């Protein structure tokens, strides 16, 4: 069986989005209420809306998703995985000559940290962000966008 392309992974909703109750075991970390497991395309849609010069964090994406689904929170694990899939699907589309791709490099980890799991690693994300005028600084082993808070989209 052939492996799925990134585009196929992005399009496979697997019955998502789904809102679940936060169980007792999860409540230590997440509190009480409900959480949404988003669909991959929902994460991609939010990432697509970030204009040049602006940035978004995974936590902001999670806030948007939680609000959209009337949930207490959005699952941090699946949201991160789906951002990663969206990034790879965008690069796959770019490789096929598509120009209008999801600007995945504008999506940062908490604290403005660059994501080493994105296509091309830190180097590629750094290169694309610098091309848009952002300054990248090293903090210990991490790379962060300087003054990233000033560039975040307003929710």
N, C-alpha and C. Protein backbone atom coordinates (compact mmCIF):
# COMPACT_ATOMS: atom_id res chain seq x y z
N UNK A 1 0.84 -1.20 0.00
CA UNK A 1 0.00 0.00 0.00
C UNK A 1 0.88 1.25 0.00
N UNK A 2 0.60 2.16 -0.89
CA UNK A 2 1.37 3.39 -0.98
C UNK A 2 1.10 4.29 0.22
N UNK A 3 2.15 4.99 0.64
CA UNK A 3 1.98 5.94 1.74
C UNK A 3 1.14 7.12 1.28
N UNK A 4 0.38 7.67 2.21
CA UNK A 4 -0.44 8.84 1.88
C UNK A 4 0.45 10.05 1.69
N UNK A 5 0.06 10.89 0.75
CA UNK A 5 0.79 12.15 0.56
C UNK A 5 0.38 13.09 1.70
N UNK A 6 1.13 14.15 1.89
CA UNK A 6 0.78 15.13 2.93
C UNK A 6 -0.57 15.75 2.63
N UNK A 7 -0.86 15.97 1.33
CA UNK A 7 -2.16 16.53 0.94
C UNK A 7 -3.30 15.60 1.37
N UNK A 8 -3.09 14.30 1.16
CA UNK A 8 -4.11 13.31 1.56
C UNK A 8 -4.29 13.29 3.07
N UNK A 9 -3.18 13.38 3.80
CA UNK A 9 -3.26 13.40 5.27
C UNK A 9 -4.04 14.63 5.74
N UNK A 10 -3.80 15.75 5.08
CA UNK A 10 -4.49 17.00 5.44
C UNK A 10 -5.99 16.88 5.17
N UNK A 11 -6.35 16.20 4.10
CA UNK A 11 -7.76 16.09 3.71
C UNK A 11 -8.53 15.01 4.48
N UNK A 12 -7.80 14.15 5.20
CA UNK A 12 -8.44 13.04 5.94
C UNK A 12 -8.90 13.51 7.32
N UNK A 13 -10.20 13.78 7.43
CA UNK A 13 -10.73 14.31 8.68
C UNK A 13 -10.93 13.25 9.78
N UNK A 14 -10.93 11.98 9.42
CA UNK A 14 -11.08 10.90 10.41
C UNK A 14 -12.24 11.14 11.38
N UNK A 15 -13.35 11.68 10.89
CA UNK A 15 -14.50 11.92 11.77
C UNK A 15 -14.33 13.12 12.69
N UNK A 16 -13.35 13.95 12.43
CA UNK A 16 -13.10 15.14 13.26
C UNK A 16 -13.70 16.36 12.57
N UNK A 17 -13.98 17.43 13.26
CA UNK A 17 -13.72 17.70 14.67
C UNK A 17 -14.69 16.95 15.59
N UNK A 18 -14.23 16.75 16.82
CA UNK A 18 -15.03 16.08 17.82
C UNK A 18 -14.81 16.74 19.17
N UNK A 19 -15.89 17.00 19.88
CA UNK A 19 -15.78 17.59 21.22
C UNK A 19 -16.00 16.49 22.24
N UNK A 20 -15.10 16.39 23.19
CA UNK A 20 -15.16 15.35 24.23
C UNK A 20 -15.13 16.01 25.61
N UNK A 21 -15.60 15.26 26.59
CA UNK A 21 -15.57 15.73 27.97
C UNK A 21 -14.16 15.47 28.51
N UNK A 22 -13.64 16.42 29.28
CA UNK A 22 -12.34 16.23 29.92
C UNK A 22 -12.53 15.22 31.06
N UNK A 23 -11.79 14.11 30.99
CA UNK A 23 -11.93 13.06 32.00
C UNK A 23 -11.18 13.45 33.28
N UNK A 24 -11.45 12.71 34.35
CA UNK A 24 -10.76 12.98 35.63
C UNK A 24 -9.25 12.95 35.47
N UNK A 25 -8.77 11.96 34.72
CA UNK A 25 -7.32 11.80 34.50
C UNK A 25 -6.73 13.04 33.82
N UNK A 26 -7.45 13.57 32.83
CA UNK A 26 -6.97 14.75 32.07
C UNK A 26 -7.12 16.04 32.86
N UNK A 27 -8.07 16.06 33.81
CA UNK A 27 -8.42 17.32 34.49
C UNK A 27 -7.26 17.90 35.30
N UNK A 28 -6.32 17.06 35.71
CA UNK A 28 -5.15 17.57 36.45
C UNK A 28 -4.38 18.56 35.59
N UNK A 29 -4.28 18.24 34.31
CA UNK A 29 -3.52 19.09 33.39
C UNK A 29 -4.40 20.15 32.71
N UNK A 30 -5.63 19.79 32.35
CA UNK A 30 -6.47 20.65 31.52
C UNK A 30 -7.63 21.32 32.24
N UNK A 31 -7.87 20.97 33.50
CA UNK A 31 -9.01 21.55 34.21
C UNK A 31 -10.29 20.80 33.86
N UNK A 32 -11.42 21.43 34.10
CA UNK A 32 -12.72 20.77 33.85
C UNK A 32 -13.36 21.34 32.58
N UNK A 33 -14.30 20.58 32.04
CA UNK A 33 -15.04 21.06 30.86
C UNK A 33 -14.90 20.12 29.69
N UNK A 34 -14.74 20.70 28.50
CA UNK A 34 -14.67 19.91 27.27
C UNK A 34 -13.44 20.32 26.47
N UNK A 35 -13.03 19.42 25.59
CA UNK A 35 -11.93 19.75 24.67
C UNK A 35 -12.33 19.33 23.27
N UNK A 36 -11.82 20.07 22.30
CA UNK A 36 -12.09 19.74 20.90
C UNK A 36 -10.84 19.11 20.30
N UNK A 37 -11.07 18.05 19.55
CA UNK A 37 -10.02 17.47 18.71
C UNK A 37 -10.36 18.02 17.32
N UNK A 38 -9.55 18.97 16.83
CA UNK A 38 -9.90 19.60 15.56
C UNK A 38 -9.65 18.68 14.37
N UNK A 39 -10.17 19.07 13.22
CA UNK A 39 -9.87 18.39 11.96
C UNK A 39 -8.61 19.04 11.40
N UNK A 40 -7.77 18.28 10.69
CA UNK A 40 -6.54 18.85 10.14
C UNK A 40 -6.79 20.11 9.31
N UNK A 41 -7.86 20.08 8.49
CA UNK A 41 -8.14 21.23 7.62
C UNK A 41 -8.51 22.49 8.40
N UNK A 42 -9.09 22.33 9.60
CA UNK A 42 -9.43 23.50 10.41
C UNK A 42 -8.16 24.23 10.85
N UNK A 43 -7.15 23.47 11.23
CA UNK A 43 -5.87 24.05 11.64
C UNK A 43 -5.24 24.76 10.44
N UNK A 44 -5.27 24.10 9.29
CA UNK A 44 -4.72 24.67 8.05
C UNK A 44 -5.43 25.98 7.68
N UNK A 45 -6.77 26.00 7.82
CA UNK A 45 -7.56 27.20 7.48
C UNK A 45 -7.08 28.41 8.31
N UNK A 46 -6.86 28.19 9.60
CA UNK A 46 -6.42 29.28 10.48
C UNK A 46 -5.02 29.73 10.07
N UNK A 47 -4.13 28.77 9.81
CA UNK A 47 -2.76 29.10 9.40
C UNK A 47 -2.74 29.90 8.10
N UNK A 48 -3.67 29.59 7.19
CA UNK A 48 -3.76 30.27 5.89
C UNK A 48 -4.09 31.76 6.04
N UNK A 49 -4.80 32.12 7.11
CA UNK A 49 -5.29 33.49 7.30
C UNK A 49 -4.25 34.46 7.86
N UNK A 50 -3.06 33.96 8.21
CA UNK A 50 -2.04 34.83 8.81
C UNK A 50 -1.33 35.59 7.69
N UNK A 51 -1.53 36.91 7.63
CA UNK A 51 -0.92 37.68 6.53
C UNK A 51 0.58 37.91 6.73
N UNK A 52 1.23 38.28 5.65
CA UNK A 52 2.67 38.57 5.70
C UNK A 52 2.93 39.63 6.76
N UNK A 53 4.00 39.45 7.53
CA UNK A 53 4.35 40.40 8.59
C UNK A 53 3.72 40.05 9.92
N UNK A 54 2.74 39.16 9.92
CA UNK A 54 2.06 38.76 11.15
C UNK A 54 2.45 37.34 11.52
N UNK A 55 2.20 36.98 12.78
CA UNK A 55 2.53 35.66 13.29
C UNK A 55 1.37 35.12 14.12
N UNK A 56 1.39 33.81 14.36
CA UNK A 56 0.40 33.18 15.23
C UNK A 56 1.13 32.07 15.99
N UNK A 57 0.66 31.77 17.20
CA UNK A 57 1.24 30.65 17.95
C UNK A 57 0.24 29.49 17.94
N UNK A 58 0.75 28.31 18.22
CA UNK A 58 -0.12 27.12 18.31
C UNK A 58 -1.19 27.38 19.38
N UNK A 59 -0.83 28.04 20.48
CA UNK A 59 -1.82 28.31 21.52
C UNK A 59 -2.93 29.24 21.04
N UNK A 60 -2.60 30.20 20.19
CA UNK A 60 -3.64 31.07 19.62
C UNK A 60 -4.57 30.24 18.72
N UNK A 61 -4.00 29.35 17.94
CA UNK A 61 -4.81 28.47 17.09
C UNK A 61 -5.75 27.66 17.97
N UNK A 62 -5.23 27.15 19.09
CA UNK A 62 -6.05 26.36 20.02
C UNK A 62 -7.19 27.20 20.60
N UNK A 63 -6.92 28.47 20.91
CA UNK A 63 -7.98 29.35 21.44
C UNK A 63 -9.08 29.55 20.40
N UNK A 64 -8.69 29.78 19.15
CA UNK A 64 -9.66 29.98 18.06
C UNK A 64 -10.52 28.73 17.90
N UNK A 65 -9.90 27.55 17.93
CA UNK A 65 -10.62 26.29 17.77
C UNK A 65 -11.58 26.03 18.94
N UNK A 66 -11.12 26.28 20.16
CA UNK A 66 -11.95 26.07 21.34
C UNK A 66 -13.19 26.96 21.27
N UNK A 67 -12.98 28.21 20.90
CA UNK A 67 -14.09 29.16 20.79
C UNK A 67 -15.08 28.71 19.71
N UNK A 68 -14.55 28.32 18.55
CA UNK A 68 -15.38 27.88 17.42
C UNK A 68 -16.29 26.71 17.80
N UNK A 69 -15.78 25.81 18.63
CA UNK A 69 -16.52 24.60 18.98
C UNK A 69 -17.16 24.67 20.38
N UNK A 70 -17.16 25.86 20.99
CA UNK A 70 -17.69 26.02 22.34
C UNK A 70 -17.10 25.01 23.31
N UNK A 71 -15.81 24.79 23.20
CA UNK A 71 -15.11 23.86 24.09
C UNK A 71 -14.24 24.67 25.05
N UNK A 72 -13.86 24.06 26.15
CA UNK A 72 -13.01 24.74 27.12
C UNK A 72 -11.62 24.95 26.52
N UNK A 73 -11.09 23.91 25.89
CA UNK A 73 -9.76 23.99 25.25
C UNK A 73 -9.76 23.17 23.97
N UNK A 74 -8.70 23.35 23.17
CA UNK A 74 -8.46 22.49 22.01
C UNK A 74 -7.27 21.61 22.35
N UNK A 75 -7.29 20.38 21.91
CA UNK A 75 -6.24 19.42 22.22
C UNK A 75 -4.88 19.93 21.71
N UNK A 76 -3.91 20.10 22.62
CA UNK A 76 -2.60 20.61 22.20
C UNK A 76 -1.84 19.64 21.30
N UNK A 77 -2.02 18.35 21.53
CA UNK A 77 -1.26 17.35 20.76
C UNK A 77 -1.72 17.31 19.31
N UNK A 78 -3.03 17.11 19.10
CA UNK A 78 -3.51 17.03 17.71
C UNK A 78 -3.36 18.36 16.99
N UNK A 79 -3.55 19.48 17.68
CA UNK A 79 -3.40 20.79 17.03
C UNK A 79 -1.97 20.93 16.51
N UNK A 80 -0.99 20.55 17.33
CA UNK A 80 0.42 20.62 16.91
C UNK A 80 0.72 19.69 15.75
N UNK A 81 0.19 18.47 15.82
CA UNK A 81 0.40 17.49 14.75
C UNK A 81 -0.21 17.99 13.44
N UNK A 82 -1.43 18.57 13.53
CA UNK A 82 -2.09 19.03 12.31
C UNK A 82 -1.41 20.26 11.72
N UNK A 83 -0.77 21.10 12.54
CA UNK A 83 0.01 22.24 12.03
C UNK A 83 1.22 21.69 11.26
N UNK A 84 1.81 20.64 11.79
CA UNK A 84 2.96 19.98 11.17
C UNK A 84 2.55 19.37 9.82
N UNK A 85 1.40 18.71 9.78
CA UNK A 85 0.89 18.13 8.53
C UNK A 85 0.60 19.25 7.52
N UNK A 86 -0.02 20.35 7.97
CA UNK A 86 -0.33 21.49 7.09
C UNK A 86 0.96 22.06 6.48
N UNK A 87 2.01 22.15 7.30
CA UNK A 87 3.29 22.68 6.82
C UNK A 87 3.87 21.78 5.73
N UNK A 88 3.86 20.48 5.98
CA UNK A 88 4.40 19.55 4.99
C UNK A 88 3.54 19.49 3.73
N UNK A 89 2.22 19.59 3.89
CA UNK A 89 1.32 19.60 2.73
C UNK A 89 1.58 20.84 1.88
N UNK A 90 1.84 21.97 2.53
CA UNK A 90 2.13 23.22 1.82
C UNK A 90 3.42 23.09 1.01
N UNK A 91 4.44 22.51 1.62
CA UNK A 91 5.72 22.33 0.91
C UNK A 91 5.58 21.34 -0.24
N UNK A 92 4.74 20.32 -0.05
CA UNK A 92 4.46 19.36 -1.11
C UNK A 92 3.80 20.07 -2.29
N UNK A 93 2.86 20.97 -1.99
CA UNK A 93 2.17 21.76 -3.03
C UNK A 93 3.16 22.69 -3.73
N UNK A 94 4.06 23.31 -2.94
CA UNK A 94 5.08 24.21 -3.52
C UNK A 94 5.96 23.43 -4.50
N UNK A 95 6.35 22.23 -4.10
CA UNK A 95 7.21 21.39 -4.95
C UNK A 95 6.53 21.04 -6.27
N UNK A 96 5.20 21.04 -6.28
CA UNK A 96 4.44 20.75 -7.50
C UNK A 96 4.15 22.03 -8.28
N UNK A 97 4.76 23.15 -7.86
CA UNK A 97 4.61 24.40 -8.59
C UNK A 97 3.51 25.32 -8.13
N UNK A 98 2.80 24.95 -7.06
CA UNK A 98 1.72 25.80 -6.57
C UNK A 98 2.33 27.02 -5.86
N UNK A 99 1.79 28.19 -6.14
CA UNK A 99 2.33 29.43 -5.57
C UNK A 99 1.62 29.83 -4.27
N UNK A 100 0.29 29.68 -4.24
CA UNK A 100 -0.50 30.12 -3.10
C UNK A 100 -0.61 28.99 -2.08
N UNK A 101 0.40 28.90 -1.19
CA UNK A 101 0.41 27.82 -0.21
C UNK A 101 0.18 28.39 1.20
N UNK A 102 -0.15 27.52 2.13
CA UNK A 102 -0.30 27.91 3.53
C UNK A 102 1.04 28.44 4.04
N UNK A 103 1.07 29.67 4.59
CA UNK A 103 2.33 30.23 5.10
C UNK A 103 2.67 29.66 6.49
N UNK A 104 3.01 28.38 6.51
CA UNK A 104 3.25 27.64 7.74
C UNK A 104 4.34 28.25 8.61
N UNK A 105 5.32 28.92 8.02
CA UNK A 105 6.45 29.48 8.76
C UNK A 105 6.02 30.59 9.73
N UNK A 106 4.81 31.13 9.54
CA UNK A 106 4.30 32.18 10.43
C UNK A 106 3.67 31.61 11.69
N UNK A 107 3.57 30.29 11.79
CA UNK A 107 3.01 29.63 12.97
C UNK A 107 4.15 29.20 13.87
N UNK A 108 4.15 29.75 15.08
CA UNK A 108 5.23 29.50 16.04
C UNK A 108 4.76 28.67 17.23
N UNK A 109 5.73 28.12 17.93
CA UNK A 109 5.42 27.43 19.17
C UNK A 109 5.22 28.50 20.26
N UNK A 110 4.79 28.09 21.43
CA UNK A 110 4.61 29.00 22.56
C UNK A 110 5.90 29.76 22.81
N UNK A 111 5.78 31.05 23.10
CA UNK A 111 6.96 31.86 23.39
C UNK A 111 7.69 32.34 22.15
N UNK A 112 7.06 32.19 20.97
CA UNK A 112 7.68 32.68 19.74
C UNK A 112 8.79 31.78 19.22
N UNK A 113 8.82 30.54 19.68
CA UNK A 113 9.88 29.60 19.32
C UNK A 113 9.63 29.00 17.93
N UNK A 114 10.72 28.90 17.14
CA UNK A 114 10.64 28.27 15.83
C UNK A 114 10.47 26.76 16.01
N UNK A 115 9.81 26.11 15.04
CA UNK A 115 9.49 24.69 15.15
C UNK A 115 10.47 23.84 14.33
N UNK A 116 11.31 23.10 15.02
CA UNK A 116 12.33 22.27 14.36
C UNK A 116 11.72 21.12 13.55
N UNK A 117 10.44 20.82 13.76
CA UNK A 117 9.80 19.71 13.04
C UNK A 117 9.17 20.14 11.71
N UNK A 118 9.18 21.44 11.43
CA UNK A 118 8.63 21.91 10.17
C UNK A 118 9.58 21.53 9.02
N UNK A 119 9.09 21.56 7.78
CA UNK A 119 9.93 21.20 6.63
C UNK A 119 11.21 22.04 6.60
N UNK A 120 12.34 21.39 6.44
CA UNK A 120 13.61 22.12 6.36
C UNK A 120 14.14 22.54 7.72
N UNK A 121 13.44 22.16 8.78
CA UNK A 121 13.90 22.46 10.14
C UNK A 121 13.92 23.95 10.46
N UNK A 122 14.65 24.29 11.51
CA UNK A 122 14.76 25.68 11.98
C UNK A 122 15.31 26.58 10.87
N UNK A 123 16.31 26.08 10.12
CA UNK A 123 16.96 26.90 9.08
C UNK A 123 15.94 27.45 8.08
N UNK A 124 15.06 26.57 7.60
CA UNK A 124 14.07 26.98 6.58
C UNK A 124 13.08 27.98 7.16
N UNK A 125 12.56 27.71 8.35
CA UNK A 125 11.60 28.63 8.96
C UNK A 125 12.26 29.98 9.22
N UNK A 126 13.49 29.96 9.70
CA UNK A 126 14.26 31.18 9.98
C UNK A 126 14.43 31.99 8.69
N UNK A 127 14.82 31.31 7.62
CA UNK A 127 15.04 31.96 6.32
C UNK A 127 13.76 32.64 5.83
N UNK A 128 12.64 31.93 5.90
CA UNK A 128 11.37 32.48 5.41
C UNK A 128 10.88 33.65 6.28
N UNK A 129 11.07 33.55 7.59
CA UNK A 129 10.66 34.64 8.49
C UNK A 129 11.54 35.87 8.30
N UNK A 130 12.84 35.66 8.13
CA UNK A 130 13.75 36.79 7.92
C UNK A 130 13.44 37.49 6.60
N UNK A 131 13.05 36.72 5.60
CA UNK A 131 12.68 37.28 4.30
C UNK A 131 11.49 38.24 4.45
N UNK A 132 10.64 37.98 5.47
CA UNK A 132 9.48 38.83 5.73
C UNK A 132 9.78 39.93 6.75
N UNK A 133 11.07 40.07 7.11
CA UNK A 133 11.47 41.17 7.98
C UNK A 133 11.53 40.88 9.48
N UNK A 134 11.34 39.62 9.86
CA UNK A 134 11.43 39.28 11.29
C UNK A 134 12.88 39.02 11.68
N UNK A 135 13.22 39.39 12.91
CA UNK A 135 14.56 39.12 13.43
C UNK A 135 14.49 37.87 14.29
N UNK A 136 15.40 36.93 14.02
CA UNK A 136 15.44 35.67 14.76
C UNK A 136 16.65 35.71 15.68
N UNK A 137 16.41 35.41 16.96
CA UNK A 137 17.51 35.39 17.94
C UNK A 137 17.60 34.01 18.58
N UNK A 138 18.79 33.68 19.02
CA UNK A 138 18.98 32.39 19.68
C UNK A 138 18.90 32.59 21.19
N UNK A 139 18.11 31.75 21.85
CA UNK A 139 18.00 31.76 23.31
C UNK A 139 18.31 30.35 23.77
N UNK A 140 19.52 30.14 24.26
CA UNK A 140 19.94 28.79 24.62
C UNK A 140 19.99 27.95 23.35
N UNK A 141 19.26 26.83 23.37
CA UNK A 141 19.24 25.96 22.18
C UNK A 141 18.08 26.31 21.25
N UNK A 142 17.22 27.22 21.67
CA UNK A 142 16.01 27.56 20.89
C UNK A 142 16.25 28.82 20.05
N UNK A 143 15.48 28.91 18.97
CA UNK A 143 15.48 30.11 18.15
C UNK A 143 14.10 30.74 18.27
N UNK A 144 14.08 32.05 18.51
CA UNK A 144 12.82 32.77 18.70
C UNK A 144 12.76 34.01 17.82
N UNK A 145 11.52 34.42 17.51
CA UNK A 145 11.34 35.67 16.77
C UNK A 145 11.43 36.79 17.81
N UNK A 146 12.35 37.73 17.59
CA UNK A 146 12.51 38.87 18.51
C UNK A 146 11.21 39.68 18.52
N UNK A 147 10.76 40.07 19.70
CA UNK A 147 9.53 40.88 19.87
C UNK A 147 8.34 40.27 19.13
N UNK A 148 8.24 38.94 19.13
CA UNK A 148 7.17 38.26 18.38
C UNK A 148 5.78 38.73 18.80
N UNK A 149 5.63 39.12 20.08
CA UNK A 149 4.31 39.55 20.59
C UNK A 149 3.76 40.72 19.78
N UNK A 150 4.64 41.59 19.32
CA UNK A 150 4.22 42.77 18.55
C UNK A 150 3.66 42.40 17.18
N UNK A 151 3.95 41.19 16.73
CA UNK A 151 3.55 40.77 15.39
C UNK A 151 2.41 39.74 15.39
N UNK A 152 1.96 39.35 16.58
CA UNK A 152 0.88 38.35 16.64
C UNK A 152 -0.42 38.90 16.09
N UNK A 153 -1.19 38.04 15.42
CA UNK A 153 -2.50 38.47 14.94
C UNK A 153 -3.38 38.68 16.16
N UNK A 154 -4.33 39.58 16.03
CA UNK A 154 -5.27 39.83 17.13
C UNK A 154 -6.45 38.88 17.00
N UNK A 155 -6.75 38.21 18.08
CA UNK A 155 -7.86 37.25 18.05
C UNK A 155 -9.18 37.95 18.26
